Amino acid sequence: MAHTLNYSSKSLLDVKFEPGHKGYDALEVDQVLDQLIEDLKFYEKYYNDSKNYIRKLESEVQKLKDKIHAQEMEVASVKNKYSGIKPGQNVSENNIELLKRISKLEEALYKKGVDPETIR
């Protein structure tokens, strides 16, 4: 259920207390203060909920920025890896798969201590 605020800054300025025998009527002042406390509790909850929501969103933004950075690094790596392919060359998916296989085979040879450049 939504909370309806009892006072706005303007309406609070317009509150008039009836003067009583020895000052203002304590019951009337207490009622206004109780309503103000109720409003303040609502504002405090709203403020805290908003802060928590902002923290959650900032955390999600940071995760997305990290993900974007990782993807940018991956794109740069792929661009570097395939930089030898010139525009206009007829490159098929099959060629790329063959290049990947060759790359893996070269890595396996390096691990075994054989330089693939020396094999002819």
N, C-alpha and C. Protein backbone atom coordinates (compact mmCIF):
# COMPACT_ATOMS: atom_id res chain seq x y z
N MET A 1 0.84 -1.17 0.00
CA MET A 1 0.00 0.00 0.00
C MET A 1 0.89 1.24 0.00
N ALA A 2 0.57 2.19 -0.84
CA ALA A 2 1.36 3.41 -0.96
C ALA A 2 1.06 4.33 0.22
N HIS A 3 2.09 4.97 0.64
CA HIS A 3 1.97 5.91 1.77
C HIS A 3 1.58 7.27 1.23
N THR A 4 0.57 7.89 1.83
CA THR A 4 0.20 9.24 1.47
C THR A 4 0.82 10.18 2.49
N LEU A 5 1.58 11.12 1.98
CA LEU A 5 2.26 12.05 2.89
C LEU A 5 1.25 12.98 3.54
N ASN A 6 1.49 13.24 4.81
CA ASN A 6 0.59 14.12 5.56
C ASN A 6 0.87 15.59 5.28
N TYR A 7 2.14 15.90 5.04
CA TYR A 7 2.53 17.29 4.87
C TYR A 7 3.52 17.46 3.72
N SER A 8 3.40 18.59 3.08
CA SER A 8 4.44 19.04 2.16
C SER A 8 5.14 20.19 2.87
N SER A 9 6.22 20.69 2.30
CA SER A 9 6.91 21.80 2.95
C SER A 9 5.98 23.01 3.06
N LYS A 10 5.15 23.23 2.05
CA LYS A 10 4.22 24.37 2.07
C LYS A 10 3.13 24.17 3.10
N SER A 11 2.53 22.97 3.11
CA SER A 11 1.43 22.75 4.05
C SER A 11 1.91 22.76 5.49
N LEU A 12 3.17 22.36 5.72
CA LEU A 12 3.71 22.39 7.08
C LEU A 12 3.89 23.84 7.54
N LEU A 13 4.27 24.72 6.62
CA LEU A 13 4.40 26.13 6.98
C LEU A 13 3.04 26.75 7.33
N ASP A 14 1.99 26.20 6.75
CA ASP A 14 0.64 26.75 6.96
C ASP A 14 -0.06 26.20 8.20
N VAL A 15 0.59 25.28 8.93
CA VAL A 15 -0.05 24.71 10.12
C VAL A 15 -0.17 25.80 11.19
N LYS A 16 -1.35 25.93 11.70
CA LYS A 16 -1.61 26.92 12.77
C LYS A 16 -2.15 26.16 13.98
N PHE A 17 -1.55 26.40 15.10
CA PHE A 17 -2.02 25.80 16.34
C PHE A 17 -2.91 26.80 17.07
N GLU A 18 -3.95 26.27 17.69
CA GLU A 18 -4.85 27.12 18.46
C GLU A 18 -4.21 27.37 19.83
N PRO A 19 -4.13 28.62 20.18
CA PRO A 19 -3.58 28.90 21.50
C PRO A 19 -4.53 28.39 22.59
N GLY A 20 -3.94 27.79 23.60
CA GLY A 20 -4.74 27.27 24.70
C GLY A 20 -4.53 28.10 25.95
N HIS A 21 -4.90 27.54 27.07
CA HIS A 21 -4.83 28.22 28.35
C HIS A 21 -3.39 28.59 28.72
N LYS A 22 -2.44 27.61 28.56
CA LYS A 22 -1.04 27.87 28.89
C LYS A 22 -0.17 27.62 27.67
N GLY A 23 -0.46 28.21 26.55
CA GLY A 23 0.30 27.99 25.32
C GLY A 23 -0.54 27.19 24.33
N TYR A 24 0.15 26.43 23.48
CA TYR A 24 -0.57 25.65 22.48
C TYR A 24 -1.11 24.36 23.09
N ASP A 25 -2.17 23.86 22.47
CA ASP A 25 -2.78 22.61 22.92
C ASP A 25 -1.79 21.46 22.66
N ALA A 26 -1.33 20.82 23.72
CA ALA A 26 -0.32 19.76 23.62
C ALA A 26 -0.81 18.60 22.75
N LEU A 27 -2.06 18.26 22.84
CA LEU A 27 -2.61 17.14 22.05
C LEU A 27 -2.55 17.47 20.55
N GLU A 28 -2.88 18.68 20.21
CA GLU A 28 -2.84 19.11 18.81
C GLU A 28 -1.41 19.08 18.27
N VAL A 29 -0.46 19.57 19.05
CA VAL A 29 0.95 19.58 18.66
C VAL A 29 1.45 18.15 18.53
N ASP A 30 1.08 17.28 19.47
CA ASP A 30 1.50 15.87 19.41
C ASP A 30 0.97 15.18 18.16
N GLN A 31 -0.26 15.48 17.76
CA GLN A 31 -0.82 14.87 16.56
C GLN A 31 -0.02 15.28 15.32
N VAL A 32 0.31 16.54 15.22
CA VAL A 32 1.09 17.02 14.09
C VAL A 32 2.47 16.38 14.09
N LEU A 33 3.10 16.32 15.26
CA LEU A 33 4.43 15.69 15.36
C LEU A 33 4.37 14.21 15.00
N ASP A 34 3.32 13.51 15.42
CA ASP A 34 3.17 12.09 15.06
C ASP A 34 3.06 11.91 13.55
N GLN A 35 2.31 12.80 12.91
CA GLN A 35 2.18 12.73 11.45
C GLN A 35 3.52 13.04 10.78
N LEU A 36 4.26 13.99 11.33
CA LEU A 36 5.57 14.33 10.77
C LEU A 36 6.54 13.16 10.93
N ILE A 37 6.49 12.49 12.07
CA ILE A 37 7.34 11.32 12.29
C ILE A 37 7.00 10.22 11.29
N GLU A 38 5.73 10.03 11.04
CA GLU A 38 5.29 9.03 10.05
C GLU A 38 5.85 9.37 8.67
N ASP A 39 5.76 10.65 8.29
CA ASP A 39 6.31 11.08 7.00
C ASP A 39 7.82 10.89 6.96
N LEU A 40 8.50 11.24 8.04
CA LEU A 40 9.95 11.11 8.10
C LEU A 40 10.37 9.65 7.97
N LYS A 41 9.65 8.75 8.62
CA LYS A 41 9.95 7.31 8.49
C LYS A 41 9.82 6.87 7.03
N PHE A 42 8.78 7.36 6.35
CA PHE A 42 8.59 7.04 4.94
C PHE A 42 9.78 7.55 4.12
N TYR A 43 10.18 8.80 4.35
CA TYR A 43 11.31 9.38 3.62
C TYR A 43 12.60 8.62 3.89
N GLU A 44 12.82 8.24 5.15
CA GLU A 44 14.03 7.48 5.49
C GLU A 44 14.06 6.14 4.76
N LYS A 45 12.92 5.45 4.74
CA LYS A 45 12.84 4.15 4.05
C LYS A 45 13.06 4.35 2.55
N TYR A 46 12.41 5.36 2.00
CA TYR A 46 12.57 5.65 0.58
C TYR A 46 14.02 5.97 0.26
N TYR A 47 14.66 6.77 1.10
CA TYR A 47 16.05 7.15 0.89
C TYR A 47 16.96 5.91 0.94
N ASN A 48 16.79 5.08 1.96
CA ASN A 48 17.62 3.88 2.10
C ASN A 48 17.38 2.90 0.96
N ASP A 49 16.12 2.72 0.58
CA ASP A 49 15.81 1.83 -0.55
C ASP A 49 16.44 2.36 -1.83
N SER A 50 16.38 3.68 -2.01
CA SER A 50 16.97 4.29 -3.21
C SER A 50 18.48 4.11 -3.22
N LYS A 51 19.14 4.30 -2.07
CA LYS A 51 20.59 4.12 -1.99
C LYS A 51 20.96 2.68 -2.33
N ASN A 52 20.22 1.72 -1.79
CA ASN A 52 20.51 0.31 -2.07
C ASN A 52 20.30 -0.01 -3.54
N TYR A 53 19.25 0.54 -4.12
CA TYR A 53 18.96 0.30 -5.53
C TYR A 53 20.07 0.91 -6.41
N ILE A 54 20.52 2.09 -6.05
CA ILE A 54 21.60 2.75 -6.80
C ILE A 54 22.88 1.91 -6.71
N ARG A 55 23.20 1.41 -5.51
CA ARG A 55 24.39 0.56 -5.35
C ARG A 55 24.28 -0.68 -6.23
N LYS A 56 23.09 -1.28 -6.25
CA LYS A 56 22.87 -2.48 -7.07
C LYS A 56 23.07 -2.14 -8.55
N LEU A 57 22.52 -1.02 -9.00
CA LEU A 57 22.67 -0.62 -10.39
C LEU A 57 24.12 -0.30 -10.73
N GLU A 58 24.82 0.36 -9.81
CA GLU A 58 26.24 0.66 -10.05
C GLU A 58 27.05 -0.62 -10.16
N SER A 59 26.70 -1.61 -9.34
CA SER A 59 27.39 -2.89 -9.41
C SER A 59 27.13 -3.57 -10.76
N GLU A 60 25.89 -3.53 -11.21
CA GLU A 60 25.56 -4.12 -12.51
C GLU A 60 26.27 -3.39 -13.64
N VAL A 61 26.33 -2.06 -13.54
CA VAL A 61 27.04 -1.27 -14.56
C VAL A 61 28.51 -1.66 -14.61
N GLN A 62 29.13 -1.83 -13.42
CA GLN A 62 30.54 -2.21 -13.38
C GLN A 62 30.75 -3.59 -13.99
N LYS A 63 29.84 -4.52 -13.70
CA LYS A 63 29.95 -5.86 -14.29
C LYS A 63 29.85 -5.79 -15.80
N LEU A 64 28.93 -4.97 -16.30
CA LEU A 64 28.77 -4.83 -17.75
C LEU A 64 29.99 -4.16 -18.37
N LYS A 65 30.57 -3.17 -17.68
CA LYS A 65 31.78 -2.54 -18.18
C LYS A 65 32.92 -3.55 -18.25
N ASP A 66 33.03 -4.39 -17.22
CA ASP A 66 34.06 -5.43 -17.22
C ASP A 66 33.84 -6.40 -18.38
N LYS A 67 32.58 -6.75 -18.61
CA LYS A 67 32.25 -7.68 -19.70
C LYS A 67 32.59 -7.05 -21.05
N ILE A 68 32.27 -5.76 -21.21
CA ILE A 68 32.59 -5.05 -22.45
C ILE A 68 34.10 -5.02 -22.66
N HIS A 69 34.83 -4.75 -21.58
CA HIS A 69 36.29 -4.70 -21.68
C HIS A 69 36.84 -6.06 -22.12
N ALA A 70 36.33 -7.13 -21.52
CA ALA A 70 36.79 -8.48 -21.89
C ALA A 70 36.47 -8.77 -23.35
N GLN A 71 35.30 -8.36 -23.80
CA GLN A 71 34.93 -8.60 -25.20
C GLN A 71 35.77 -7.75 -26.14
N GLU A 72 36.08 -6.53 -25.73
CA GLU A 72 36.95 -5.69 -26.56
C GLU A 72 38.34 -6.32 -26.68
N MET A 73 38.83 -6.88 -25.59
CA MET A 73 40.13 -7.56 -25.62
C MET A 73 40.07 -8.78 -26.56
N GLU A 74 38.96 -9.50 -26.51
CA GLU A 74 38.80 -10.67 -27.37
C GLU A 74 38.74 -10.25 -28.84
N VAL A 75 38.02 -9.16 -29.12
CA VAL A 75 37.94 -8.66 -30.49
C VAL A 75 39.31 -8.24 -30.98
N ALA A 76 40.07 -7.56 -30.12
CA ALA A 76 41.42 -7.12 -30.51
C ALA A 76 42.30 -8.34 -30.79
N SER A 77 42.15 -9.38 -29.98
CA SER A 77 42.92 -10.60 -30.18
C SER A 77 42.57 -11.26 -31.50
N VAL A 78 41.29 -11.33 -31.81
CA VAL A 78 40.85 -11.94 -33.08
C VAL A 78 41.33 -11.11 -34.26
N LYS A 79 41.24 -9.78 -34.13
CA LYS A 79 41.72 -8.91 -35.21
C LYS A 79 43.21 -9.13 -35.45
N ASN A 80 43.94 -9.22 -34.35
CA ASN A 80 45.38 -9.45 -34.46
C ASN A 80 45.66 -10.82 -35.09
N LYS A 81 44.90 -11.80 -34.68
CA LYS A 81 45.11 -13.16 -35.17
C LYS A 81 44.85 -13.26 -36.68
N TYR A 82 43.84 -12.56 -37.15
CA TYR A 82 43.48 -12.64 -38.57
C TYR A 82 43.90 -11.40 -39.35
N SER A 83 44.88 -10.69 -38.83
CA SER A 83 45.32 -9.46 -39.50
C SER A 83 45.98 -9.74 -40.85
N GLY A 84 46.46 -10.95 -41.06
CA GLY A 84 47.11 -11.29 -42.32
C GLY A 84 46.14 -11.48 -43.46
N ILE A 85 44.87 -11.59 -43.16
CA ILE A 85 43.86 -11.77 -44.21
C ILE A 85 43.53 -10.40 -44.79
N LYS A 86 43.78 -10.25 -46.06
CA LYS A 86 43.54 -8.98 -46.74
C LYS A 86 42.10 -8.91 -47.23
N PRO A 87 41.55 -7.70 -47.24
CA PRO A 87 40.21 -7.56 -47.82
C PRO A 87 40.27 -7.95 -49.30
N GLY A 88 39.27 -8.62 -49.73
CA GLY A 88 39.23 -9.04 -51.13
C GLY A 88 39.73 -10.46 -51.31
N GLN A 89 40.44 -11.00 -50.31
CA GLN A 89 40.84 -12.40 -50.42
C GLN A 89 39.60 -13.24 -50.20
N ASN A 90 39.54 -14.33 -50.91
CA ASN A 90 38.40 -15.21 -50.79
C ASN A 90 38.61 -16.08 -49.54
N VAL A 91 38.03 -15.65 -48.43
CA VAL A 91 38.19 -16.37 -47.17
C VAL A 91 36.86 -17.04 -46.84
N SER A 92 36.92 -18.33 -46.70
CA SER A 92 35.69 -19.04 -46.35
C SER A 92 35.80 -19.49 -44.90
N GLU A 93 34.70 -19.93 -44.38
CA GLU A 93 34.68 -20.44 -43.02
C GLU A 93 35.56 -21.68 -42.92
N ASN A 94 35.62 -22.44 -43.98
CA ASN A 94 36.46 -23.64 -44.01
C ASN A 94 37.93 -23.26 -43.86
N ASN A 95 38.35 -22.19 -44.55
CA ASN A 95 39.74 -21.72 -44.44
C ASN A 95 40.06 -21.31 -43.00
N ILE A 96 39.13 -20.62 -42.38
CA ILE A 96 39.35 -20.18 -41.01
C ILE A 96 39.47 -21.38 -40.08
N GLU A 97 38.64 -22.39 -40.29
CA GLU A 97 38.73 -23.60 -39.47
C GLU A 97 40.07 -24.29 -39.68
N LEU A 98 40.55 -24.31 -40.92
CA LEU A 98 41.85 -24.91 -41.19
C LEU A 98 42.97 -24.12 -40.51
N LEU A 99 42.87 -22.79 -40.53
CA LEU A 99 43.86 -21.97 -39.85
C LEU A 99 43.87 -22.24 -38.34
N LYS A 100 42.69 -22.42 -37.78
CA LYS A 100 42.60 -22.74 -36.35
C LYS A 100 43.28 -24.07 -36.05
N ARG A 101 43.02 -25.06 -36.90
CA ARG A 101 43.63 -26.39 -36.70
C ARG A 101 45.16 -26.30 -36.82
N ILE A 102 45.65 -25.55 -37.81
CA ILE A 102 47.09 -25.38 -37.98
C ILE A 102 47.69 -24.71 -36.76
N SER A 103 47.00 -23.70 -36.24
CA SER A 103 47.48 -22.99 -35.06
C SER A 103 47.58 -23.94 -33.87
N LYS A 104 46.58 -24.79 -33.69
CA LYS A 104 46.61 -25.75 -32.58
C LYS A 104 47.73 -26.76 -32.76
N LEU A 105 47.94 -27.19 -33.99
CA LEU A 105 49.03 -28.14 -34.25
C LEU A 105 50.39 -27.50 -33.99
N GLU A 106 50.54 -26.24 -34.39
CA GLU A 106 51.78 -25.54 -34.12
C GLU A 106 52.03 -25.41 -32.61
N GLU A 107 50.97 -25.11 -31.86
CA GLU A 107 51.10 -25.02 -30.40
C GLU A 107 51.55 -26.35 -29.82
N ALA A 108 50.98 -27.45 -30.32
CA ALA A 108 51.36 -28.78 -29.83
C ALA A 108 52.82 -29.06 -30.14
N LEU A 109 53.29 -28.66 -31.32
CA LEU A 109 54.70 -28.86 -31.67
C LEU A 109 55.61 -28.04 -30.76
N TYR A 110 55.22 -26.79 -30.48
CA TYR A 110 56.03 -25.96 -29.59
C TYR A 110 56.12 -26.59 -28.20
N LYS A 111 55.02 -27.17 -27.73
CA LYS A 111 55.02 -27.81 -26.41
C LYS A 111 55.97 -29.01 -26.38
N LYS A 112 56.11 -29.67 -27.52
CA LYS A 112 57.00 -30.83 -27.59
C LYS A 112 58.45 -30.42 -27.87
N GLY A 113 58.67 -29.12 -28.04
CA GLY A 113 60.01 -28.62 -28.25
C GLY A 113 60.43 -28.56 -29.70
N VAL A 114 59.50 -28.65 -30.62
CA VAL A 114 59.81 -28.60 -32.05
C VAL A 114 59.32 -27.26 -32.59
N ASP A 115 60.20 -26.58 -33.30
CA ASP A 115 59.84 -25.31 -33.93
C ASP A 115 59.22 -25.61 -35.30
N PRO A 116 57.92 -25.31 -35.48
CA PRO A 116 57.26 -25.62 -36.76
C PRO A 116 57.88 -24.90 -37.95
N GLU A 117 58.57 -23.78 -37.72
CA GLU A 117 59.20 -23.04 -38.81
C GLU A 117 60.36 -23.82 -39.41
N THR A 118 60.96 -24.72 -38.64
CA THR A 118 62.11 -25.49 -39.13
C THR A 118 61.69 -26.73 -39.92
N ILE A 119 60.43 -27.09 -39.84
CA ILE A 119 59.96 -28.27 -40.58
C ILE A 119 59.65 -27.87 -42.02
N ARG A 120 60.31 -28.53 -42.96
CA ARG A 120 60.08 -28.22 -44.38
C ARG A 120 59.94 -29.47 -45.15
